[in-house]
Amino acid sequence: TLEARGLVGRRPRASDLRVREVEITPAGRAAFDSFWPVMFGHYEKM
């Protein structure tokens, strides 16, 4: 789902092409950054 939305991408690992690594995209980082203040606010209240 995240990949279809452009929030993460997958690529083969350089040291072993059978292994796929997941990377956050700039859009994924922006999505998390927009939510982080809300999550941190809950954390502080806790």
PDB file of all heavy atoms in Angstrom:
ATOM      1  N   THR A   1       0.824  -1.206   0.000  1.00  0.00           N
ATOM      2  CA  THR A   1       0.000   0.000   0.000  1.00  0.00           C
ATOM      3  C   THR A   1       0.858   1.256   0.000  1.00  0.00           C
ATOM      4  O   THR A   1       0.608   2.191  -0.778  1.00  0.00           O
ATOM      5  CB  THR A   1      -0.944   0.005   1.225  1.00  0.00           C
ATOM      6  OG1 THR A   1      -1.767  -1.155   1.181  1.00  0.00           O
ATOM      7  CG2 THR A   1      -1.807   1.251   1.257  1.00  0.00           C
ATOM      8  N   LEU A   2       1.873   1.283   0.862  1.00  0.00           N
ATOM      9  CA  LEU A   2       2.754   2.458   0.923  1.00  0.00           C
ATOM     10  C   LEU A   2       3.487   2.670  -0.395  1.00  0.00           C
ATOM     11  O   LEU A   2       3.666   3.814  -0.832  1.00  0.00           O
ATOM     12  CB  LEU A   2       3.750   2.314   2.071  1.00  0.00           C
ATOM     13  CG  LEU A   2       3.173   2.420   3.486  1.00  0.00           C
ATOM     14  CD1 LEU A   2       4.253   2.107   4.523  1.00  0.00           C
ATOM     15  CD2 LEU A   2       2.564   3.796   3.733  1.00  0.00           C
ATOM     16  N   GLU A   3       3.898   1.583  -1.031  1.00  0.00           N
ATOM     17  CA  GLU A   3       4.603   1.701  -2.317  1.00  0.00           C
ATOM     18  C   GLU A   3       3.654   2.229  -3.393  1.00  0.00           C
ATOM     19  O   GLU A   3       4.032   3.094  -4.185  1.00  0.00           O
ATOM     20  CB  GLU A   3       5.194   0.355  -2.710  1.00  0.00           C
ATOM     21  CG  GLU A   3       6.120   0.442  -3.912  1.00  0.00           C
ATOM     22  CD  GLU A   3       6.885  -0.842  -4.143  1.00  0.00           C
ATOM     23  OE1 GLU A   3       6.349  -1.931  -3.836  1.00  0.00           O
ATOM     24  OE2 GLU A   3       8.021  -0.748  -4.648  1.00  0.00           O
ATOM     25  N   ALA A   4       2.419   1.723  -3.417  1.00  0.00           N
ATOM     26  CA  ALA A   4       1.441   2.190  -4.400  1.00  0.00           C
ATOM     27  C   ALA A   4       1.154   3.683  -4.226  1.00  0.00           C
ATOM     28  O   ALA A   4       0.874   4.377  -5.213  1.00  0.00           O
ATOM     29  CB  ALA A   4       0.151   1.378  -4.279  1.00  0.00           C
ATOM     30  N   ARG A   5       1.249   4.167  -2.990  1.00  0.00           N
ATOM     31  CA  ARG A   5       1.024   5.587  -2.710  1.00  0.00           C
ATOM     32  C   ARG A   5       2.290   6.427  -2.903  1.00  0.00           C
ATOM     33  O   ARG A   5       2.256   7.649  -2.720  1.00  0.00           O
ATOM     34  CB  ARG A   5       0.513   5.758  -1.284  1.00  0.00           C
ATOM     35  CG  ARG A   5      -0.891   5.193  -1.099  1.00  0.00           C
ATOM     36  CD  ARG A   5      -1.366   5.282   0.315  1.00  0.00           C
ATOM     37  NE  ARG A   5      -1.335   6.651   0.825  1.00  0.00           N
ATOM     38  CZ  ARG A   5      -1.534   6.967   2.105  1.00  0.00           C
ATOM     39  NH1 ARG A   5      -1.783   6.026   2.985  1.00  0.00           N
ATOM     40  NH2 ARG A   5      -1.486   8.217   2.492  1.00  0.00           N
ATOM     41  N   GLY A   6       3.403   5.790  -3.242  1.00  0.00           N
ATOM     42  CA  GLY A   6       4.648   6.512  -3.460  1.00  0.00           C
ATOM     43  C   GLY A   6       5.362   6.927  -2.195  1.00  0.00           C
ATOM     44  O   GLY A   6       6.234   7.799  -2.230  1.00  0.00           O
ATOM     45  N   LEU A   7       5.023   6.290  -1.058  1.00  0.00           N
ATOM     46  CA  LEU A   7       5.627   6.669   0.215  1.00  0.00           C
ATOM     47  C   LEU A   7       6.874   5.860   0.548  1.00  0.00           C
ATOM     48  O   LEU A   7       7.687   6.287   1.368  1.00  0.00           O
ATOM     49  CB  LEU A   7       4.595   6.552   1.345  1.00  0.00           C
ATOM     50  CG  LEU A   7       3.320   7.386   1.140  1.00  0.00           C
ATOM     51  CD1 LEU A   7       2.356   7.176   2.296  1.00  0.00           C
ATOM     52  CD2 LEU A   7       3.646   8.858   0.963  1.00  0.00           C
ATOM     53  N   VAL A   8       7.015   4.691  -0.065  1.00  0.00           N
ATOM     54  CA  VAL A   8       8.222   3.876   0.063  1.00  0.00           C
ATOM     55  C   VAL A   8       8.553   3.291  -1.303  1.00  0.00           C
ATOM     56  O   VAL A   8       7.710   3.256  -2.200  1.00  0.00           O
ATOM     57  CB  VAL A   8       8.077   2.719   1.096  1.00  0.00           C
ATOM     58  CG1 VAL A   8       7.733   3.245   2.472  1.00  0.00           C
ATOM     59  CG2 VAL A   8       7.090   1.672   0.631  1.00  0.00           C
ATOM     60  N   GLY A   9       9.786   2.844  -1.432  1.00  0.00           N
ATOM     61  CA  GLY A   9      10.224   2.137  -2.634  1.00  0.00           C
ATOM     62  C   GLY A   9      11.039   0.928  -2.231  1.00  0.00           C
ATOM     63  O   GLY A   9      11.572   0.868  -1.114  1.00  0.00           O
ATOM     64  N   ARG A  10      11.097  -0.055  -3.108  1.00  0.00           N
ATOM     65  CA  ARG A  10      11.887  -1.263  -2.827  1.00  0.00           C
ATOM     66  C   ARG A  10      12.936  -1.416  -3.915  1.00  0.00           C
ATOM     67  O   ARG A  10      12.690  -1.120  -5.079  1.00  0.00           O
ATOM     68  CB  ARG A  10      10.998  -2.498  -2.794  1.00  0.00           C
ATOM     69  CG  ARG A  10       9.950  -2.428  -1.709  1.00  0.00           C
ATOM     70  CD  ARG A  10       9.156  -3.711  -1.665  1.00  0.00           C
ATOM     71  NE  ARG A  10       7.738  -3.417  -1.624  1.00  0.00           N
ATOM     72  CZ  ARG A  10       6.810  -4.252  -1.207  1.00  0.00           C
ATOM     73  NH1 ARG A  10       7.135  -5.449  -0.812  1.00  0.00           N
ATOM     74  NH2 ARG A  10       5.548  -3.909  -1.195  1.00  0.00           N
ATOM     75  N   ARG A  11      14.106  -1.892  -3.490  1.00  0.00           N
ATOM     76  CA  ARG A  11      15.200  -2.122  -4.450  1.00  0.00           C
ATOM     77  C   ARG A  11      16.026  -3.307  -3.976  1.00  0.00           C
ATOM     78  O   ARG A  11      16.065  -3.618  -2.788  1.00  0.00           O
ATOM     79  CB  ARG A  11      16.059  -0.884  -4.594  1.00  0.00           C
ATOM     80  CG  ARG A  11      16.789  -0.487  -3.332  1.00  0.00           C
ATOM     81  CD  ARG A  11      17.764   0.661  -3.588  1.00  0.00           C
ATOM     82  NE  ARG A  11      18.250   1.226  -2.360  1.00  0.00           N
ATOM     83  CZ  ARG A  11      19.151   0.658  -1.552  1.00  0.00           C
ATOM     84  NH1 ARG A  11      19.655  -0.504  -1.848  1.00  0.00           N
ATOM     85  NH2 ARG A  11      19.543   1.257  -0.451  1.00  0.00           N
ATOM     86  N   PRO A  12      16.699  -3.965  -4.915  1.00  0.00           N
ATOM     87  CA  PRO A  12      17.576  -5.078  -4.512  1.00  0.00           C
ATOM     88  C   PRO A  12      18.748  -4.560  -3.683  1.00  0.00           C
ATOM     89  O   PRO A  12      19.274  -3.467  -3.939  1.00  0.00           O
ATOM     90  CB  PRO A  12      18.069  -5.649  -5.839  1.00  0.00           C
ATOM     91  CG  PRO A  12      17.147  -5.109  -6.880  1.00  0.00           C
ATOM     92  CD  PRO A  12      16.623  -3.811  -6.360  1.00  0.00           C
ATOM     93  N   ARG A  13      19.147  -5.343  -2.693  1.00  0.00           N
ATOM     94  CA  ARG A  13      20.312  -5.004  -1.866  1.00  0.00           C
ATOM     95  C   ARG A  13      21.567  -5.208  -2.712  1.00  0.00           C
ATOM     96  O   ARG A  13      21.720  -6.230  -3.370  1.00  0.00           O
ATOM     97  CB  ARG A  13      20.344  -5.885  -0.619  1.00  0.00           C
ATOM     98  CG  ARG A  13      21.526  -5.583   0.300  1.00  0.00           C
ATOM     99  CD  ARG A  13      21.406  -6.312   1.602  1.00  0.00           C
ATOM    100  NE  ARG A  13      20.546  -5.523   2.496  1.00  0.00           N
ATOM    101  CZ  ARG A  13      20.091  -5.954   3.654  1.00  0.00           C
ATOM    102  NH1 ARG A  13      20.372  -7.161   4.081  1.00  0.00           N
ATOM    103  NH2 ARG A  13      19.332  -5.177   4.399  1.00  0.00           N
ATOM    104  N   ALA A  14      22.460  -4.245  -2.684  1.00  0.00           N
ATOM    105  CA  ALA A  14      23.669  -4.289  -3.512  1.00  0.00           C
ATOM    106  C   ALA A  14      24.508  -5.536  -3.244  1.00  0.00           C
ATOM    107  O   ALA A  14      25.047  -6.140  -4.171  1.00  0.00           O
ATOM    108  CB  ALA A  14      24.498  -3.027  -3.297  1.00  0.00           C
ATOM    109  N   SER A  15      24.603  -5.952  -1.987  1.00  0.00           N
ATOM    110  CA  SER A  15      25.445  -7.092  -1.623  1.00  0.00           C
ATOM    111  C   SER A  15      24.773  -8.443  -1.886  1.00  0.00           C
ATOM    112  O   SER A  15      25.441  -9.473  -1.892  1.00  0.00           O
ATOM    113  CB  SER A  15      25.848  -7.001  -0.148  1.00  0.00           C
ATOM    114  OG  SER A  15      24.690  -7.037   0.668  1.00  0.00           O
ATOM    115  N   ASP A  16      23.455  -8.451  -2.101  1.00  0.00           N
ATOM    116  CA  ASP A  16      22.716  -9.691  -2.350  1.00  0.00           C
ATOM    117  C   ASP A  16      21.436  -9.342  -3.088  1.00  0.00           C
ATOM    118  O   ASP A  16      20.448  -8.916  -2.480  1.00  0.00           O
ATOM    119  CB  ASP A  16      22.403 -10.396  -1.027  1.00  0.00           C
ATOM    120  CG  ASP A  16      21.758 -11.753  -1.214  1.00  0.00           C
ATOM    121  OD1 ASP A  16      21.344 -12.079  -2.361  1.00  0.00           O
ATOM    122  OD2 ASP A  16      21.650 -12.485  -0.222  1.00  0.00           O
ATOM    123  N   LEU A  17      21.450  -9.520  -4.404  1.00  0.00           N
ATOM    124  CA  LEU A  17      20.333  -9.091  -5.239  1.00  0.00           C
ATOM    125  C   LEU A  17      19.037  -9.846  -4.948  1.00  0.00           C
ATOM    126  O   LEU A  17      17.967  -9.429  -5.381  1.00  0.00           O
ATOM    127  CB  LEU A  17      20.702  -9.224  -6.722  1.00  0.00           C
ATOM    128  CG  LEU A  17      21.892  -8.364  -7.171  1.00  0.00           C
ATOM    129  CD1 LEU A  17      22.193  -8.589  -8.639  1.00  0.00           C
ATOM    130  CD2 LEU A  17      21.614  -6.886  -6.901  1.00  0.00           C
ATOM    131  N   ARG A  18      19.107 -10.935  -4.200  1.00  0.00           N
ATOM    132  CA  ARG A  18      17.897 -11.680  -3.835  1.00  0.00           C
ATOM    133  C   ARG A  18      17.124 -10.970  -2.729  1.00  0.00           C
ATOM    134  O   ARG A  18      15.937 -11.209  -2.547  1.00  0.00           O
ATOM    135  CB  ARG A  18      18.251 -13.095  -3.359  1.00  0.00           C
ATOM    136  CG  ARG A  18      18.917 -13.951  -4.430  1.00  0.00           C
ATOM    137  CD  ARG A  18      19.465 -15.210  -3.817  1.00  0.00           C
ATOM    138  NE  ARG A  18      20.521 -14.824  -2.853  1.00  0.00           N
ATOM    139  CZ  ARG A  18      21.131 -15.653  -2.050  1.00  0.00           C
ATOM    140  NH1 ARG A  18      20.830 -16.936  -2.046  1.00  0.00           N
ATOM    141  NH2 ARG A  18      22.078 -15.238  -1.219  1.00  0.00           N
ATOM    142  N   VAL A  19      17.802 -10.116  -1.986  1.00  0.00           N
ATOM    143  CA  VAL A  19      17.199  -9.408  -0.857  1.00  0.00           C
ATOM    144  C   VAL A  19      16.725  -8.038  -1.325  1.00  0.00           C
ATOM    145  O   VAL A  19      17.453  -7.313  -1.991  1.00  0.00           O
ATOM    146  CB  VAL A  19      18.218  -9.252   0.302  1.00  0.00           C
ATOM    147  CG1 VAL A  19      17.629  -8.450   1.449  1.00  0.00           C
ATOM    148  CG2 VAL A  19      18.701 -10.608   0.763  1.00  0.00           C
ATOM    149  N   ARG A  20      15.476  -7.704  -0.941  1.00  0.00           N
ATOM    150  CA  ARG A  20      14.933  -6.388  -1.302  1.00  0.00           C
ATOM    151  C   ARG A  20      14.904  -5.496  -0.068  1.00  0.00           C
ATOM    152  O   ARG A  20      14.465  -5.915   0.996  1.00  0.00           O
ATOM    153  CB  ARG A  20      13.546  -6.538  -1.900  1.00  0.00           C
ATOM    154  CG  ARG A  20      13.616  -7.452  -3.099  1.00  0.00           C
ATOM    155  CD  ARG A  20      12.589  -7.359  -4.142  1.00  0.00           C
ATOM    156  NE  ARG A  20      11.763  -6.204  -4.214  1.00  0.00           N
ATOM    157  CZ  ARG A  20      11.692  -5.435  -5.292  1.00  0.00           C
ATOM    158  NH1 ARG A  20      12.436  -5.681  -6.338  1.00  0.00           N
ATOM    159  NH2 ARG A  20      10.854  -4.436  -5.334  1.00  0.00           N
ATOM    160  N   GLU A  21      15.400  -4.291  -0.246  1.00  0.00           N
ATOM    161  CA  GLU A  21      15.402  -3.298   0.821  1.00  0.00           C
ATOM    162  C   GLU A  21      14.280  -2.297   0.581  1.00  0.00           C
ATOM    163  O   GLU A  21      13.948  -1.982  -0.561  1.00  0.00           O
ATOM    164  CB  GLU A  21      16.728  -2.542   0.853  1.00  0.00           C
ATOM    165  CG  GLU A  21      17.909  -3.401   1.214  1.00  0.00           C
ATOM    166  CD  GLU A  21      19.211  -2.627   1.236  1.00  0.00           C
ATOM    167  OE1 GLU A  21      19.342  -1.615   0.508  1.00  0.00           O
ATOM    168  OE2 GLU A  21      20.096  -3.043   1.992  1.00  0.00           O
ATOM    169  N   VAL A  22      13.715  -1.815   1.664  1.00  0.00           N
ATOM    170  CA  VAL A  22      12.641  -0.826   1.598  1.00  0.00           C
ATOM    171  C   VAL A  22      13.218   0.510   2.020  1.00  0.00           C
ATOM    172  O   VAL A  22      13.904   0.608   3.038  1.00  0.00           O
ATOM    173  CB  VAL A  22      11.472  -1.219   2.524  1.00  0.00           C
ATOM    174  CG1 VAL A  22      10.338  -0.211   2.405  1.00  0.00           C
ATOM    175  CG2 VAL A  22      10.990  -2.633   2.220  1.00  0.00           C
ATOM    176  N   GLU A  23      12.932   1.529   1.228  1.00  0.00           N
ATOM    177  CA  GLU A  23      13.409   2.877   1.534  1.00  0.00           C
ATOM    178  C   GLU A  23      12.237   3.835   1.569  1.00  0.00           C
ATOM    179  O   GLU A  23      11.294   3.718   0.778  1.00  0.00           O
ATOM    180  CB  GLU A  23      14.405   3.349   0.470  1.00  0.00           C
ATOM    181  CG  GLU A  23      15.703   2.567   0.470  1.00  0.00           C
ATOM    182  CD  GLU A  23      16.724   3.166  -0.477  1.00  0.00           C
ATOM    183  OE1 GLU A  23      16.327   3.694  -1.530  1.00  0.00           O
ATOM    184  OE2 GLU A  23      17.915   3.100  -0.151  1.00  0.00           O
ATOM    185  N   ILE A  24      12.315   4.797   2.465  1.00  0.00           N
ATOM    186  CA  ILE A  24      11.297   5.842   2.528  1.00  0.00           C
ATOM    187  C   ILE A  24      11.571   6.842   1.406  1.00  0.00           C
ATOM    188  O   ILE A  24      12.725   7.138   1.087  1.00  0.00           O
ATOM    189  CB  ILE A  24      11.278   6.518   3.918  1.00  0.00           C
ATOM    190  CG1 ILE A  24      10.022   7.358   4.099  1.00  0.00           C
ATOM    191  CG2 ILE A  24      12.561   7.299   4.178  1.00  0.00           C
ATOM    192  CD1 ILE A  24       9.799   7.814   5.536  1.00  0.00           C
ATOM    193  N   THR A  25      10.527   7.330   0.772  1.00  0.00           N
ATOM    194  CA  THR A  25      10.665   8.333  -0.285  1.00  0.00           C
ATOM    195  C   THR A  25      10.482   9.722   0.341  1.00  0.00           C
ATOM    196  O   THR A  25      10.024   9.843   1.486  1.00  0.00           O
ATOM    197  CB  THR A  25       9.586   8.131  -1.364  1.00  0.00           C
ATOM    198  OG1 THR A  25       8.300   8.360  -0.762  1.00  0.00           O
ATOM    199  CG2 THR A  25       9.657   6.734  -1.978  1.00  0.00           C
ATOM    200  N   PRO A  26      10.813  10.764  -0.411  1.00  0.00           N
ATOM    201  CA  PRO A  26      10.542  12.109   0.114  1.00  0.00           C
ATOM    202  C   PRO A  26       9.064  12.305   0.478  1.00  0.00           C
ATOM    203  O   PRO A  26       8.754  12.937   1.495  1.00  0.00           O
ATOM    204  CB  PRO A  26      10.978  13.028  -1.025  1.00  0.00           C
ATOM    205  CG  PRO A  26      12.078  12.251  -1.710  1.00  0.00           C
ATOM    206  CD  PRO A  26      11.610  10.816  -1.657  1.00  0.00           C
ATOM    207  N   ALA A  27       8.164  11.736  -0.305  1.00  0.00           N
ATOM    208  CA  ALA A  27       6.725  11.841   0.011  1.00  0.00           C
ATOM    209  C   ALA A  27       6.401  11.095   1.307  1.00  0.00           C
ATOM    210  O   ALA A  27       5.570  11.550   2.108  1.00  0.00           O
ATOM    211  CB  ALA A  27       5.885  11.301  -1.143  1.00  0.00           C
ATOM    212  N   GLY A  28       7.055   9.960   1.524  1.00  0.00           N
ATOM    213  CA  GLY A  28       6.855   9.203   2.753  1.00  0.00           C
ATOM    214  C   GLY A  28       7.366   9.954   3.968  1.00  0.00           C
ATOM    215  O   GLY A  28       6.726   9.988   5.027  1.00  0.00           O
ATOM    216  N   ARG A  29       8.510  10.584   3.805  1.00  0.00           N
ATOM    217  CA  ARG A  29       9.065  11.386   4.906  1.00  0.00           C
ATOM    218  C   ARG A  29       8.142  12.572   5.205  1.00  0.00           C
ATOM    219  O   ARG A  29       7.889  12.887   6.372  1.00  0.00           O
ATOM    220  CB  ARG A  29      10.465  11.885   4.548  1.00  0.00           C
ATOM    221  CG  ARG A  29      11.170  12.544   5.715  1.00  0.00           C
ATOM    222  CD  ARG A  29      12.632  12.790   5.426  1.00  0.00           C
ATOM    223  NE  ARG A  29      13.383  11.588   5.137  1.00  0.00           N
ATOM    224  CZ  ARG A  29      13.797  10.699   6.036  1.00  0.00           C
ATOM    225  NH1 ARG A  29      13.500  10.890   7.306  1.00  0.00           N
ATOM    226  NH2 ARG A  29      14.485   9.644   5.679  1.00  0.00           N
ATOM    227  N   ALA A  30       7.604  13.189   4.173  1.00  0.00           N
ATOM    228  CA  ALA A  30       6.683  14.318   4.376  1.00  0.00           C
ATOM    229  C   ALA A  30       5.416  13.849   5.078  1.00  0.00           C
ATOM    230  O   ALA A  30       4.900  14.551   5.967  1.00  0.00           O
ATOM    231  CB  ALA A  30       6.342  14.964   3.037  1.00  0.00           C
ATOM    232  N   ALA A  31       4.915  12.665   4.726  1.00  0.00           N
ATOM    233  CA  ALA A  31       3.717  12.129   5.378  1.00  0.00           C
ATOM    234  C   ALA A  31       3.985  11.895   6.857  1.00  0.00           C
ATOM    235  O   ALA A  31       3.173  12.268   7.715  1.00  0.00           O
ATOM    236  CB  ALA A  31       3.273  10.831   4.699  1.00  0.00           C
ATOM    237  N   PHE A  32       5.121  11.287   7.163  1.00  0.00           N
ATOM    238  CA  PHE A  32       5.438  11.053   8.567  1.00  0.00           C
ATOM    239  C   PHE A  32       5.674  12.373   9.294  1.00  0.00           C
ATOM    240  O   PHE A  32       5.185  12.559  10.410  1.00  0.00           O
ATOM    241  CB  PHE A  32       6.649  10.136   8.749  1.00  0.00           C
ATOM    242  CG  PHE A  32       6.926   9.887  10.200  1.00  0.00           C
ATOM    243  CD1 PHE A  32       6.137   9.012  10.928  1.00  0.00           C
ATOM    244  CD2 PHE A  32       7.940  10.565  10.859  1.00  0.00           C
ATOM    245  CE1 PHE A  32       6.350   8.813  12.290  1.00  0.00           C
ATOM    246  CE2 PHE A  32       8.167  10.372  12.210  1.00  0.00           C
ATOM    247  CZ  PHE A  32       7.366   9.483  12.923  1.00  0.00           C
ATOM    248  N   ASP A  33       6.402  13.285   8.677  1.00  0.00           N
ATOM    249  CA  ASP A  33       6.670  14.583   9.311  1.00  0.00           C
ATOM    250  C   ASP A  33       5.383  15.341   9.621  1.00  0.00           C
ATOM    251  O   ASP A  33       5.312  16.060  10.622  1.00  0.00           O
ATOM    252  CB  ASP A  33       7.581  15.436   8.428  1.00  0.00           C
ATOM    253  CG  ASP A  33       9.017  14.934   8.403  1.00  0.00           C
ATOM    254  OD1 ASP A  33       9.384  14.071   9.242  1.00  0.00           O
ATOM    255  OD2 ASP A  33       9.782  15.402   7.527  1.00  0.00           O
ATOM    256  N   SER A  34       4.366  15.164   8.793  1.00  0.00           N
ATOM    257  CA  SER A  34       3.102  15.859   9.058  1.00  0.00           C
ATOM    258  C   SER A  34       2.386  15.246  10.258  1.00  0.00           C
ATOM    259  O   SER A  34       1.679  15.945  10.984  1.00  0.00           O
ATOM    260  CB  SER A  34       2.201  15.842   7.821  1.00  0.00           C
ATOM    261  OG  SER A  34       1.735  14.534   7.551  1.00  0.00           O
ATOM    262  N   PHE A  35       2.560  13.945  10.485  1.00  0.00           N
ATOM    263  CA  PHE A  35       1.901  13.285  11.595  1.00  0.00           C
ATOM    264  C   PHE A  35       2.710  13.354  12.887  1.00  0.00           C
ATOM    265  O   PHE A  35       2.143  13.293  13.974  1.00  0.00           O
ATOM    266  CB  PHE A  35       1.609  11.820  11.249  1.00  0.00           C
ATOM    267  CG  PHE A  35       0.906  11.102  12.364  1.00  0.00           C
ATOM    268  CD1 PHE A  35      -0.401  11.434  12.670  1.00  0.00           C
ATOM    269  CD2 PHE A  35       1.542  10.155  13.125  1.00  0.00           C
ATOM    270  CE1 PHE A  35      -1.059  10.819  13.721  1.00  0.00           C
ATOM    271  CE2 PHE A  35       0.895   9.533  14.182  1.00  0.00           C
ATOM    272  CZ  PHE A  35      -0.413   9.863  14.475  1.00  0.00           C
ATOM    273  N   TRP A  36       4.025  13.480  12.782  1.00  0.00           N
ATOM    274  CA  TRP A  36       4.897  13.442  13.959  1.00  0.00           C
ATOM    275  C   TRP A  36       4.452  14.375  15.083  1.00  0.00           C
ATOM    276  O   TRP A  36       4.406  13.962  16.236  1.00  0.00           O
ATOM    277  CB  TRP A  36       6.347  13.701  13.561  1.00  0.00           C
ATOM    278  CG  TRP A  36       7.243  13.857  14.745  1.00  0.00           C
ATOM    279  CD1 TRP A  36       7.863  14.995  15.151  1.00  0.00           C
ATOM    280  CD2 TRP A  36       7.592  12.855  15.715  1.00  0.00           C
ATOM    281  NE1 TRP A  36       8.593  14.767  16.305  1.00  0.00           N
ATOM    282  CE2 TRP A  36       8.429  13.454  16.668  1.00  0.00           C
ATOM    283  CE3 TRP A  36       7.264  11.512  15.861  1.00  0.00           C
ATOM    284  CZ2 TRP A  36       8.952  12.765  17.750  1.00  0.00           C
ATOM    285  CZ3 TRP A  36       7.785  10.818  16.943  1.00  0.00           C
ATOM    286  CH2 TRP A  36       8.619  11.439  17.876  1.00  0.00           C
ATOM    287  N   PRO A  37       4.104  15.640  14.828  1.00  0.00           N
ATOM    288  CA  PRO A  37       3.695  16.510  15.940  1.00  0.00           C
ATOM    289  C   PRO A  37       2.487  15.964  16.708  1.00  0.00           C
ATOM    290  O   PRO A  37       2.424  16.094  17.932  1.00  0.00           O
ATOM    291  CB  PRO A  37       3.358  17.841  15.265  1.00  0.00           C
ATOM    292  CG  PRO A  37       4.136  17.821  13.989  1.00  0.00           C
ATOM    293  CD  PRO A  37       4.168  16.386  13.558  1.00  0.00           C
ATOM    294  N   VAL A  38       1.552  15.337  16.017  1.00  0.00           N
ATOM    295  CA  VAL A  38       0.385  14.759  16.679  1.00  0.00           C
ATOM    296  C   VAL A  38       0.825  13.593  17.566  1.00  0.00           C
ATOM    297  O   VAL A  38       0.427  13.485  18.733  1.00  0.00           O
ATOM    298  CB  VAL A  38      -0.653  14.291  15.633  1.00  0.00           C
ATOM    299  CG1 VAL A  38      -1.806  13.547  16.298  1.00  0.00           C
ATOM    300  CG2 VAL A  38      -1.157  15.472  14.823  1.00  0.00           C
ATOM    301  N   MET A  39       1.662  12.720  17.008  1.00  0.00           N
ATOM    302  CA  MET A  39       2.131  11.563  17.757  1.00  0.00           C
ATOM    303  C   MET A  39       2.955  12.014  18.965  1.00  0.00           C
ATOM    304  O   MET A  39       2.773  11.492  20.065  1.00  0.00           O
ATOM    305  CB  MET A  39       2.973  10.649  16.862  1.00  0.00           C
ATOM    306  CG  MET A  39       3.276   9.313  17.499  1.00  0.00           C
ATOM    307  SD  MET A  39       3.914   8.126  16.323  1.00  0.00           S
ATOM    308  CE  MET A  39       5.645   8.487  16.387  1.00  0.00           C
ATOM    309  N   PHE A  40       3.827  12.969  18.783  1.00  0.00           N
ATOM    310  CA  PHE A  40       4.659  13.449  19.886  1.00  0.00           C
ATOM    311  C   PHE A  40       3.807  14.117  20.961  1.00  0.00           C
ATOM    312  O   PHE A  40       4.092  13.991  22.150  1.00  0.00           O
ATOM    313  CB  PHE A  40       5.759  14.380  19.384  1.00  0.00           C
ATOM    314  CG  PHE A  40       6.786  14.682  20.434  1.00  0.00           C
ATOM    315  CD1 PHE A  40       7.682  13.712  20.837  1.00  0.00           C
ATOM    316  CD2 PHE A  40       6.841  15.927  21.029  1.00  0.00           C
ATOM    317  CE1 PHE A  40       8.624  13.975  21.827  1.00  0.00           C
ATOM    318  CE2 PHE A  40       7.784  16.199  22.009  1.00  0.00           C
ATOM    319  CZ  PHE A  40       8.673  15.224  22.408  1.00  0.00           C
ATOM    320  N   GLY A  41       2.742  14.800  20.550  1.00  0.00           N
ATOM    321  CA  GLY A  41       1.833  15.400  21.519  1.00  0.00           C
ATOM    322  C   GLY A  41       1.190  14.341  22.412  1.00  0.00           C
ATOM    323  O   GLY A  41       1.084  14.520  23.630  1.00  0.00           O
ATOM    324  N   HIS A  42       0.789  13.221  21.820  1.00  0.00           N
ATOM    325  CA  HIS A  42       0.230  12.110  22.609  1.00  0.00           C
ATOM    326  C   HIS A  42       1.297  11.537  23.552  1.00  0.00           C
ATOM    327  O   HIS A  42       0.994  11.187  24.693  1.00  0.00           O
ATOM    328  CB  HIS A  42      -0.300  11.007  21.687  1.00  0.00           C
ATOM    329  CG  HIS A  42      -1.640  11.304  21.113  1.00  0.00           C
ATOM    330  ND1 HIS A  42      -2.806  10.868  21.687  1.00  0.00           N
ATOM    331  CD2 HIS A  42      -2.009  12.009  20.016  1.00  0.00           C
ATOM    332  CE1 HIS A  42      -3.829  11.278  20.966  1.00  0.00           C
ATOM    333  NE2 HIS A  42      -3.369  11.978  19.945  1.00  0.00           N
ATOM    334  N   TYR A  43       2.501  11.440  23.053  1.00  0.00           N
ATOM    335  CA  TYR A  43       3.624  10.924  23.852  1.00  0.00           C
ATOM    336  C   TYR A  43       3.857  11.810  25.074  1.00  0.00           C
ATOM    337  O   TYR A  43       4.000  11.323  26.193  1.00  0.00           O
ATOM    338  CB  TYR A  43       4.863  10.866  22.956  1.00  0.00           C
ATOM    339  CG  TYR A  43       6.117  10.384  23.620  1.00  0.00           C
ATOM    340  CD1 TYR A  43       6.361   9.021  23.761  1.00  0.00           C
ATOM    341  CD2 TYR A  43       7.073  11.279  24.067  1.00  0.00           C
ATOM    342  CE1 TYR A  43       7.536   8.568  24.348  1.00  0.00           C
ATOM    343  CE2 TYR A  43       8.245  10.842  24.652  1.00  0.00           C
ATOM    344  CZ  TYR A  43       8.469   9.483  24.789  1.00  0.00           C
ATOM    345  OH  TYR A  43       9.632   9.043  25.374  1.00  0.00           O
ATOM    346  N   GLU A  44       3.874  13.122  24.842  1.00  0.00           N
ATOM    347  CA  GLU A  44       4.088  14.052  25.965  1.00  0.00           C
ATOM    348  C   GLU A  44       2.972  13.956  26.995  1.00  0.00           C
ATOM    349  O   GLU A  44       3.233  14.000  28.202  1.00  0.00           O
ATOM    350  CB  GLU A  44       4.204  15.490  25.437  1.00  0.00           C
ATOM    351  CG  GLU A  44       5.507  15.763  24.739  1.00  0.00           C
ATOM    352  CD  GLU A  44       5.612  17.185  24.245  1.00  0.00           C
ATOM    353  OE1 GLU A  44       4.632  17.704  23.665  1.00  0.00           O
ATOM    354  OE2 GLU A  44       6.675  17.792  24.452  1.00  0.00           O
ATOM    355  N   LYS A  45       1.733  13.821  26.553  1.00  0.00           N
ATOM    356  CA  LYS A  45       0.613  13.679  27.481  1.00  0.00           C
ATOM    357  C   LYS A  45       0.744  12.400  28.301  1.00  0.00           C
ATOM    358  O   LYS A  45       0.429  12.379  29.489  1.00  0.00           O
ATOM    359  CB  LYS A  45      -0.713  13.659  26.724  1.00  0.00           C
ATOM    360  CG  LYS A  45      -1.124  15.000  26.173  1.00  0.00           C
ATOM    361  CD  LYS A  45      -2.402  14.877  25.369  1.00  0.00           C
ATOM    362  CE  LYS A  45      -2.662  16.134  24.574  1.00  0.00           C
ATOM    363  NZ  LYS A  45      -3.759  15.960  23.626  1.00  0.00           N
ATOM    364  N   MET A  46       1.220  11.335  27.665  1.00  0.00           N
ATOM    365  CA  MET A  46       1.347  10.058  28.353  1.00  0.00           C
ATOM    366  C   MET A  46       2.347  10.157  29.506  1.00  0.00           C
ATOM    367  O   MET A  46       2.172   9.507  30.536  1.00  0.00           O
ATOM    368  CB  MET A  46       1.797   8.981  27.350  1.00  0.00           C
ATOM    369  CG  MET A  46       1.833   7.587  27.931  1.00  0.00           C
ATOM    370  SD  MET A  46       1.974   6.272  26.691  1.00  0.00           S
ATOM    371  CE  MET A  46       3.520   6.628  25.904  1.00  0.00           C
TER     372      MET A  46
END
